[in-house]
Amino acid sequence: MRIFEINRSQVSEHAALAPLAVPGACGASGYLWISLTRDEFRASLAEVQQILQTLCKTQLVDLHVADLLNDQLPSHYDYTSLYDVLVFRRLANGQGQAALGNGKGSTNEAPPAPVAPPRQPRSGPPVLRRVDTRPVGFAVFDRVLLSVHPEDGAVRDAFAARLLAAVSADGATPALDVRATSARLPTSPSDLMLRVINQIVDGYLDLRRELTKQLDHWQTELIDPRSRFTNWGALMEARQSLHHLDEICEDQRAAMQDWIDSLETLPVPKGELEQRERELIMIRSRDVLEHIERVVHHVHRLEQNAETAVQMHFSVQGHRANDIMRVLTVLTAVFLPLNLIAGIFGMNFEFIPLVHKADGFWIAMTSMLVIAVLLVVIFWRKRYLARTR
């Protein structure tokens, strides 16, 4: 569990929820980011609900709690009059299956989360094994952002490091990497959530580049006529992974579009500062949606490239088979008159021209050679024997 108190000038991390469960704990302009894994959320549900009741005058609905604990839920968006819930699937680290725990020690029992079946290790190149996802759930309140992560918490820890680096960049302590941080701190829970989601989408963009390299390598092997491609199992797995990635991105795009539509239905803020922040939220939301659409577009293009490579492979193999049959047909046509001559002189008759002559054999062999050379020249000029490049 990691808890951050954020305002316009600083970020402070707290070790426990208890000191924050009082009105005014995060100041007039600040807000809280409560980040937990699913096991931690299940165990600390009563304490989290108390914090939300104190700071936001509401609690999470039981169905939304179940959604945040569900490890198999696709990306989707839901809302109430007091808070929004957004589930967004991120790439998993490695192939480890996150443990769900049993929720002991909680006085407010959470709804039982469905237990995911053990995932089978993916075959093929390592890049295909990364096309596996875990949901990250966000509950966005006016003054609290609650995020529920898989057990590794990689996205949470990476963004927390960037957040603390941004604070160092604004203060006296030098930042670790100023270029990797935004110029200002997130101004609201919505802004913070969108930045975390943007980092998740960047992971898909990196995966897109690796998939492109792998499919380009396979495409080169498929098109090469001298190569005997045998890695069909990995190629079929790649096509299935691309289809799975396409479905994931489509769900993400639908969820973000629902979020944007919900923002557009909100009343226009009266103050200039609030209106500016609303515009920045809309801009960042559209930017995230544009990144997702880029991934979807590229996945579609990769699927088409894989399908085209397979079709070109079979076309090349068919063309190669046609070349072989053409050569064999030409050789048969060359030897057909020679077989005819040999058959005539092999007949069992007593009186056949040239049979009883001393030079009859050489006359027949010369005739057969002349006919063969003449046919080869004719077929060569007609390009029946030309090599296809």
Protein backbone atom coordinates (compact mmCIF):
# COMPACT_ATOMS: atom_id res chain seq x y z
CA MET A 1 0.00 0.00 0.00
CA ARG A 2 1.27 3.45 -0.93
CA ILE A 3 -0.52 6.67 0.05
CA PHE A 4 0.37 10.07 -1.40
CA GLU A 5 -0.89 13.50 -0.41
CA ILE A 6 -0.64 15.84 -3.40
CA ASN A 7 -1.21 19.54 -3.74
CA ARG A 8 -0.05 22.15 -6.22
CA SER A 9 3.46 22.46 -4.80
CA GLN A 10 4.46 19.23 -3.10
CA VAL A 11 3.92 15.51 -2.71
CA SER A 12 4.24 13.65 0.55
CA GLU A 13 3.98 9.91 1.09
CA HIS A 14 2.26 8.48 4.16
CA ALA A 15 2.80 5.09 5.70
CA ALA A 16 -0.74 4.47 7.00
CA LEU A 17 -4.33 5.46 6.34
CA ALA A 18 -5.31 6.17 9.94
CA PRO A 19 -3.87 9.74 10.25
CA LEU A 20 -5.77 10.76 7.10
CA ALA A 21 -9.20 9.65 8.30
CA VAL A 22 -10.07 13.09 9.68
CA PRO A 23 -11.68 16.05 7.91
CA GLY A 24 -9.15 18.50 6.42
CA ALA A 25 -6.32 15.96 6.51
CA CYS A 26 -5.13 16.79 3.01
CA GLY A 27 -5.63 20.55 3.08
CA ALA A 28 -7.97 22.78 1.15
CA SER A 29 -6.39 22.33 -2.30
CA GLY A 30 -4.83 18.91 -1.96
CA TYR A 31 -6.07 15.39 -2.58
CA LEU A 32 -5.06 11.82 -1.78
CA TRP A 33 -3.83 9.02 -3.98
CA ILE A 34 -4.48 5.69 -2.25
CA SER A 35 -2.83 2.89 -4.18
CA LEU A 36 -3.29 -0.73 -3.14
CA THR A 37 -2.91 -4.20 -4.54
CA ARG A 38 -6.00 -6.38 -4.68
CA ASP A 39 -5.00 -8.32 -1.58
CA GLU A 40 -4.38 -5.08 0.31
CA PHE A 41 -7.66 -3.62 -0.89
CA ARG A 42 -9.56 -6.68 0.27
CA ALA A 43 -7.85 -6.66 3.66
CA SER A 44 -8.19 -2.87 4.17
CA LEU A 45 -11.65 -2.41 2.68
CA ALA A 46 -13.29 -1.18 5.90
CA GLU A 47 -10.53 1.36 6.51
CA VAL A 48 -10.66 2.60 2.91
CA GLN A 49 -14.43 2.97 3.06
CA GLN A 50 -14.07 5.01 6.26
CA ILE A 51 -11.56 7.33 4.58
CA LEU A 52 -13.89 7.82 1.63
CA GLN A 53 -16.84 8.51 3.93
CA THR A 54 -14.83 11.10 5.85
CA LEU A 55 -13.28 12.94 2.93
CA CYS A 56 -15.85 12.42 0.14
CA LYS A 57 -19.10 11.84 2.06
CA THR A 58 -19.69 8.58 0.22
CA GLN A 59 -18.47 5.00 -0.04
CA LEU A 60 -17.84 2.57 -2.86
CA VAL A 61 -20.86 0.60 -4.02
CA ASP A 62 -20.56 -3.15 -3.47
CA LEU A 63 -20.69 -3.86 -7.21
CA HIS A 64 -17.84 -1.44 -7.82
CA VAL A 65 -15.85 -3.10 -5.05
CA ALA A 66 -16.40 -6.43 -6.79
CA ASP A 67 -15.25 -4.87 -10.09
CA LEU A 68 -12.05 -3.56 -8.51
CA LEU A 69 -11.31 -7.01 -7.07
CA ASN A 70 -12.07 -8.89 -10.28
CA ASP A 71 -8.88 -10.03 -12.00
CA GLN A 72 -10.71 -10.99 -15.23
CA LEU A 73 -12.71 -7.82 -15.83
CA PRO A 74 -12.21 -6.13 -19.23
CA SER A 75 -11.59 -2.43 -19.57
CA HIS A 76 -14.78 -0.49 -18.90
CA TYR A 77 -16.16 2.72 -17.39
CA ASP A 78 -18.96 3.29 -14.89
CA TYR A 79 -20.07 6.23 -12.80
CA THR A 80 -22.26 7.48 -10.00
CA SER A 81 -23.27 11.01 -9.04
CA LEU A 82 -20.27 11.25 -6.64
CA TYR A 83 -17.48 9.25 -8.23
CA ASP A 84 -16.33 7.48 -11.41
CA VAL A 85 -14.91 3.97 -11.83
CA LEU A 86 -12.55 3.13 -14.66
CA VAL A 87 -10.96 -0.30 -15.17
CA PHE A 88 -8.02 -0.34 -17.56
CA ARG A 89 -6.02 -3.44 -18.48
CA ARG A 90 -2.23 -3.13 -18.52
CA LEU A 91 0.48 -5.48 -19.74
CA ALA A 92 1.54 -8.02 -17.17
CA ASN A 93 5.15 -8.40 -16.09
CA GLY A 94 6.36 -11.87 -16.95
CA GLN A 95 3.99 -14.80 -16.70
CA GLY A 96 3.44 -14.97 -12.98
CA GLN A 97 -0.12 -15.36 -11.82
CA ALA A 98 -1.08 -12.83 -9.20
CA ALA A 99 -2.33 -14.39 -6.00
CA LEU A 100 -5.74 -13.25 -4.87
CA GLY A 101 -5.59 -14.11 -1.19
CA ASN A 102 -8.48 -14.96 1.08
CA GLY A 103 -9.28 -11.57 2.60
CA LYS A 104 -8.75 -12.55 6.23
CA GLY A 105 -8.44 -9.81 8.82
CA SER A 106 -11.10 -7.51 7.33
CA THR A 107 -14.09 -6.55 9.43
CA ASN A 108 -16.00 -5.47 6.31
CA GLU A 109 -15.96 -8.48 4.04
CA ALA A 110 -15.60 -7.71 0.35
CA PRO A 111 -17.60 -9.64 -2.24
CA PRO A 112 -15.71 -12.75 -3.28
CA ALA A 113 -13.63 -12.12 -6.36
CA PRO A 114 -13.65 -14.76 -9.09
CA VAL A 115 -10.48 -16.82 -9.00
CA ALA A 116 -8.65 -16.80 -12.29
CA PRO A 117 -7.60 -20.17 -13.70
CA PRO A 118 -3.86 -20.77 -13.92
CA ARG A 119 -2.44 -19.26 -17.09
CA GLN A 120 -0.57 -21.58 -19.39
CA PRO A 121 2.85 -20.33 -20.46
CA ARG A 122 2.77 -18.93 -23.95
CA SER A 123 4.87 -20.58 -26.61
CA GLY A 124 6.93 -18.88 -29.26
CA PRO A 125 9.30 -15.90 -28.99
CA PRO A 126 9.53 -13.96 -25.71
CA VAL A 127 7.66 -10.98 -27.19
CA LEU A 128 4.52 -13.11 -27.52
CA ARG A 129 4.64 -14.03 -23.86
CA ARG A 130 4.19 -10.34 -22.99
CA VAL A 131 0.76 -10.15 -24.63
CA ASP A 132 -0.88 -10.83 -21.29
CA THR A 133 -2.79 -8.28 -19.27
CA ARG A 134 -3.98 -7.48 -15.76
CA PRO A 135 -6.70 -4.94 -14.86
CA VAL A 136 -5.95 -1.75 -12.94
CA GLY A 137 -9.01 -0.21 -11.30
CA PHE A 138 -9.50 3.49 -10.55
CA ALA A 139 -12.17 5.11 -8.38
CA VAL A 140 -12.07 8.87 -8.99
CA PHE A 141 -13.54 11.13 -6.29
CA ASP A 142 -13.32 14.89 -5.92
CA ARG A 143 -10.46 14.68 -3.40
CA VAL A 144 -9.35 11.03 -3.55
CA LEU A 145 -8.00 8.76 -6.25
CA LEU A 146 -8.24 5.10 -5.28
CA SER A 147 -6.28 2.74 -7.53
CA VAL A 148 -6.25 -1.05 -7.23
CA HIS A 149 -3.32 -2.79 -8.92
CA PRO A 150 -2.14 -6.35 -9.55
CA GLU A 151 0.22 -7.87 -7.03
CA ASP A 152 3.45 -6.60 -8.60
CA GLY A 153 2.32 -2.93 -8.58
CA ALA A 154 4.83 -2.12 -11.33
CA VAL A 155 2.84 0.73 -12.86
CA ARG A 156 2.13 2.26 -9.46
CA ASP A 157 5.78 2.17 -8.38
CA ALA A 158 7.05 3.52 -11.71
CA PHE A 159 4.67 6.46 -11.70
CA ALA A 160 5.32 7.15 -8.01
CA ALA A 161 9.02 7.45 -8.82
CA ARG A 162 8.23 9.93 -11.60
CA LEU A 163 5.96 11.86 -9.27
CA LEU A 164 8.63 12.17 -6.60
CA ALA A 165 11.19 13.10 -9.29
CA ALA A 166 8.88 15.89 -10.46
CA VAL A 167 8.75 17.23 -6.91
CA SER A 168 12.54 17.20 -6.77
CA ALA A 169 12.64 19.08 -10.06
CA ASP A 170 10.43 21.83 -8.65
CA GLY A 171 12.29 22.05 -5.35
CA ALA A 172 15.88 22.48 -4.32
CA THR A 173 16.87 18.84 -4.78
CA PRO A 174 17.83 17.95 -8.37
CA ALA A 175 15.45 15.59 -10.12
CA LEU A 176 16.53 12.12 -11.17
CA ASP A 177 15.38 12.72 -14.74
CA VAL A 178 13.62 15.99 -15.40
CA ARG A 179 12.82 15.06 -19.00
CA ALA A 180 10.86 12.00 -17.86
CA THR A 181 8.45 14.04 -15.72
CA SER A 182 5.72 16.52 -16.46
CA ALA A 183 6.30 20.23 -15.98
CA ARG A 184 3.75 20.36 -13.16
CA LEU A 185 2.10 18.07 -10.67
CA PRO A 186 -1.32 16.55 -11.37
CA THR A 187 -3.91 19.06 -10.28
CA SER A 188 -6.74 16.63 -9.55
CA PRO A 189 -7.45 12.91 -9.13
CA SER A 190 -8.71 12.81 -12.72
CA ASP A 191 -5.47 14.32 -13.99
CA LEU A 192 -3.44 11.83 -11.97
CA MET A 193 -5.49 8.88 -13.24
CA LEU A 194 -5.05 9.95 -16.86
CA ARG A 195 -1.29 10.23 -16.41
CA VAL A 196 -1.12 6.72 -15.00
CA ILE A 197 -3.26 5.43 -17.88
CA ASN A 198 -1.01 7.23 -20.34
CA GLN A 199 1.96 5.35 -18.88
CA ILE A 200 0.04 2.08 -19.31
CA VAL A 201 -0.64 2.87 -22.97
CA ASP A 202 3.05 3.66 -23.51
CA GLY A 203 3.75 0.04 -22.57
CA TYR A 204 1.53 -1.06 -25.45
CA LEU A 205 3.41 1.25 -27.81
CA ASP A 206 6.70 -0.40 -26.79
CA LEU A 207 5.17 -3.85 -27.31
CA ARG A 208 4.00 -2.72 -30.73
CA ARG A 209 7.58 -2.04 -31.81
CA GLU A 210 8.78 -5.44 -30.61
CA LEU A 211 5.94 -7.24 -32.38
CA THR A 212 6.75 -5.34 -35.56
CA LYS A 213 10.37 -6.52 -35.46
CA GLN A 214 9.35 -10.13 -34.86
CA LEU A 215 6.76 -10.17 -37.64
CA ASP A 216 9.17 -8.47 -40.05
CA HIS A 217 11.67 -11.25 -39.34
CA TRP A 218 9.06 -13.92 -40.03
CA GLN A 219 7.90 -12.11 -43.14
CA THR A 220 11.45 -12.13 -44.52
CA GLU A 221 11.69 -15.87 -43.90
CA LEU A 222 8.30 -16.53 -45.46
CA ILE A 223 9.06 -14.63 -48.66
CA ASP A 224 12.58 -16.06 -49.11
CA PRO A 225 12.18 -18.91 -51.67
CA ARG A 226 15.34 -20.63 -50.40
CA SER A 227 14.06 -20.72 -46.82
CA ARG A 228 12.03 -23.63 -45.48
CA PHE A 229 9.79 -21.96 -42.92
CA THR A 230 8.74 -24.42 -40.20
CA ASN A 231 7.80 -22.10 -37.32
CA TRP A 232 4.08 -22.23 -38.10
CA GLY A 233 3.04 -22.80 -34.50
CA ALA A 234 4.69 -19.57 -33.32
CA LEU A 235 3.20 -17.67 -36.27
CA MET A 236 -0.31 -18.90 -35.46
CA GLU A 237 0.29 -17.95 -31.82
CA ALA A 238 1.36 -14.49 -32.97
CA ARG A 239 -1.84 -14.04 -34.97
CA GLN A 240 -3.92 -15.11 -31.98
CA SER A 241 -1.96 -12.74 -29.74
CA LEU A 242 -2.55 -9.86 -32.14
CA HIS A 243 -6.27 -10.65 -32.20
CA HIS A 244 -6.30 -10.74 -28.39
CA LEU A 245 -4.42 -7.44 -28.25
CA ASP A 246 -6.91 -5.93 -30.68
CA GLU A 247 -9.82 -6.89 -28.40
CA ILE A 248 -8.03 -5.43 -25.37
CA CYS A 249 -7.37 -2.12 -27.13
CA GLU A 250 -10.94 -1.92 -28.41
CA ASP A 251 -12.22 -2.29 -24.83
CA GLN A 252 -9.77 0.40 -23.71
CA ARG A 253 -10.91 2.75 -26.44
CA ALA A 254 -14.57 2.19 -25.57
CA ALA A 255 -13.88 2.85 -21.89
CA MET A 256 -11.98 6.08 -22.61
CA GLN A 257 -14.67 7.24 -25.03
CA ASP A 258 -17.31 6.69 -22.34
CA TRP A 259 -15.14 8.69 -19.92
CA ILE A 260 -14.86 11.57 -22.41
CA ASP A 261 -18.60 11.50 -23.13
CA SER A 262 -19.26 11.67 -19.39
CA LEU A 263 -16.97 14.69 -19.03
CA GLU A 264 -18.75 16.48 -21.87
CA THR A 265 -22.09 16.11 -20.12
CA LEU A 266 -20.88 17.85 -16.96
CA PRO A 267 -21.94 21.48 -16.42
CA VAL A 268 -19.43 24.13 -17.46
CA PRO A 269 -17.37 25.35 -14.47
CA LYS A 270 -18.00 28.96 -13.47
CA GLY A 271 -14.49 29.91 -12.41
CA GLU A 272 -11.72 30.52 -14.93
CA LEU A 273 -9.28 28.27 -13.09
CA GLU A 274 -11.79 25.40 -12.89
CA GLN A 275 -12.64 25.81 -16.55
CA ARG A 276 -8.96 25.71 -17.47
CA GLU A 277 -8.45 22.53 -15.47
CA ARG A 278 -11.49 20.96 -17.16
CA GLU A 279 -10.03 21.80 -20.56
CA LEU A 280 -6.69 20.26 -19.60
CA ILE A 281 -8.48 17.10 -18.44
CA MET A 282 -10.30 16.90 -21.79
CA ILE A 283 -7.07 17.47 -23.71
CA ARG A 284 -5.27 14.75 -21.76
CA SER A 285 -8.23 12.38 -22.18
CA ARG A 286 -8.27 12.90 -25.94
CA ASP A 287 -4.51 12.41 -26.03
CA VAL A 288 -4.84 9.05 -24.24
CA LEU A 289 -7.62 8.06 -26.64
CA GLU A 290 -5.45 9.03 -29.60
CA HIS A 291 -2.60 6.86 -28.28
CA ILE A 292 -4.97 3.92 -27.92
CA GLU A 293 -6.24 4.43 -31.46
CA ARG A 294 -2.65 4.44 -32.71
CA VAL A 295 -2.09 1.07 -31.05
CA VAL A 296 -5.35 -0.28 -32.52
CA HIS A 297 -4.43 0.96 -35.98
CA HIS A 298 -0.97 -0.58 -35.77
CA VAL A 299 -2.34 -3.90 -34.49
CA HIS A 300 -4.71 -4.02 -37.46
CA ARG A 301 -1.80 -3.34 -39.78
CA LEU A 302 0.28 -6.07 -38.14
CA GLU A 303 -2.59 -8.53 -38.55
CA GLN A 304 -2.85 -7.63 -42.23
CA ASN A 305 0.92 -7.93 -42.67
CA ALA A 306 0.94 -11.38 -41.05
CA GLU A 307 -1.94 -12.52 -43.25
CA THR A 308 -0.30 -11.05 -46.34
CA ALA A 309 3.03 -12.71 -45.50
CA VAL A 310 1.35 -16.11 -45.22
CA GLN A 311 -0.45 -15.61 -48.53
CA MET A 312 2.75 -14.46 -50.22
CA HIS A 313 4.57 -17.49 -48.82
CA PHE A 314 2.10 -19.89 -50.39
CA SER A 315 2.14 -17.85 -53.62
CA VAL A 316 5.94 -18.11 -53.75
CA GLN A 317 5.79 -21.84 -53.03
CA GLY A 318 3.13 -22.29 -55.72
CA HIS A 319 5.19 -20.27 -58.20
CA ARG A 320 8.26 -22.34 -57.35
CA ALA A 321 6.26 -25.54 -57.92
CA ASN A 322 5.09 -24.14 -61.27
CA ASP A 323 8.70 -23.47 -62.27
CA ILE A 324 9.66 -27.02 -61.39
CA MET A 325 6.75 -28.47 -63.36
CA ARG A 326 7.62 -26.24 -66.31
CA VAL A 327 11.23 -27.49 -66.36
CA LEU A 328 10.09 -31.10 -66.09
CA THR A 329 7.58 -30.55 -68.90
CA VAL A 330 10.27 -29.06 -71.15
CA LEU A 331 12.64 -31.96 -70.43
CA THR A 332 9.85 -34.40 -71.24
CA ALA A 333 9.17 -32.55 -74.51
CA VAL A 334 12.89 -32.68 -75.38
CA PHE A 335 13.18 -36.43 -74.78
CA LEU A 336 9.84 -37.33 -76.39
CA PRO A 337 11.16 -37.37 -80.04
CA LEU A 338 14.32 -39.09 -78.83
CA ASN A 339 12.24 -41.85 -77.29
CA LEU A 340 10.28 -42.07 -80.53
CA ILE A 341 13.46 -42.59 -82.56
CA ALA A 342 14.77 -45.13 -80.05
CA GLY A 343 11.42 -46.95 -80.16
CA ILE A 344 11.39 -47.10 -83.95
CA PHE A 345 14.89 -48.53 -84.18
CA GLY A 346 14.07 -50.91 -81.35
CA MET A 347 11.26 -52.57 -83.33
CA ASN A 348 11.68 -56.29 -83.93
CA PHE A 349 11.72 -56.14 -87.79
CA GLU A 350 14.40 -57.61 -90.03
CA PHE A 351 14.46 -54.83 -92.63
CA ILE A 352 14.72 -51.38 -91.02
CA PRO A 353 16.67 -48.51 -92.68
CA LEU A 354 20.16 -47.93 -91.24
CA VAL A 355 19.95 -50.98 -88.99
CA HIS A 356 22.38 -53.10 -90.99
CA LYS A 357 24.72 -50.23 -91.90
CA ALA A 358 28.05 -49.85 -90.11
CA ASP A 359 27.47 -46.14 -89.39
CA GLY A 360 23.74 -46.45 -88.72
CA PHE A 361 24.20 -46.09 -84.94
CA TRP A 362 26.14 -42.86 -85.29
CA ILE A 363 23.63 -41.46 -87.78
CA ALA A 364 20.79 -42.15 -85.34
CA MET A 365 22.72 -40.69 -82.38
CA THR A 366 23.62 -37.58 -84.36
CA SER A 367 20.01 -37.10 -85.40
CA MET A 368 18.84 -37.48 -81.81
CA LEU A 369 21.47 -34.98 -80.60
CA VAL A 370 20.55 -32.43 -83.28
CA ILE A 371 16.86 -32.76 -82.47
CA ALA A 372 17.54 -32.36 -78.71
CA VAL A 373 19.75 -29.29 -79.22
CA LEU A 374 17.23 -27.75 -81.62
CA LEU A 375 14.37 -28.24 -79.15
CA VAL A 376 16.41 -26.81 -76.27
CA VAL A 377 17.25 -23.73 -78.36
CA ILE A 378 13.60 -23.27 -79.34
CA PHE A 379 12.40 -23.62 -75.73
CA TRP A 380 15.12 -21.26 -74.51
CA ARG A 381 14.15 -18.60 -77.03
CA LYS A 382 10.54 -18.95 -75.94
CA ARG A 383 11.79 -18.53 -72.33
CA TYR A 384 10.36 -21.84 -71.23
CA LEU A 385 13.69 -22.55 -69.54
CA ALA A 386 14.34 -19.03 -68.25
CA ARG A 387 15.03 -18.80 -64.53
CA THR A 388 12.48 -16.79 -62.54
CA ARG A 389 14.13 -14.23 -60.28
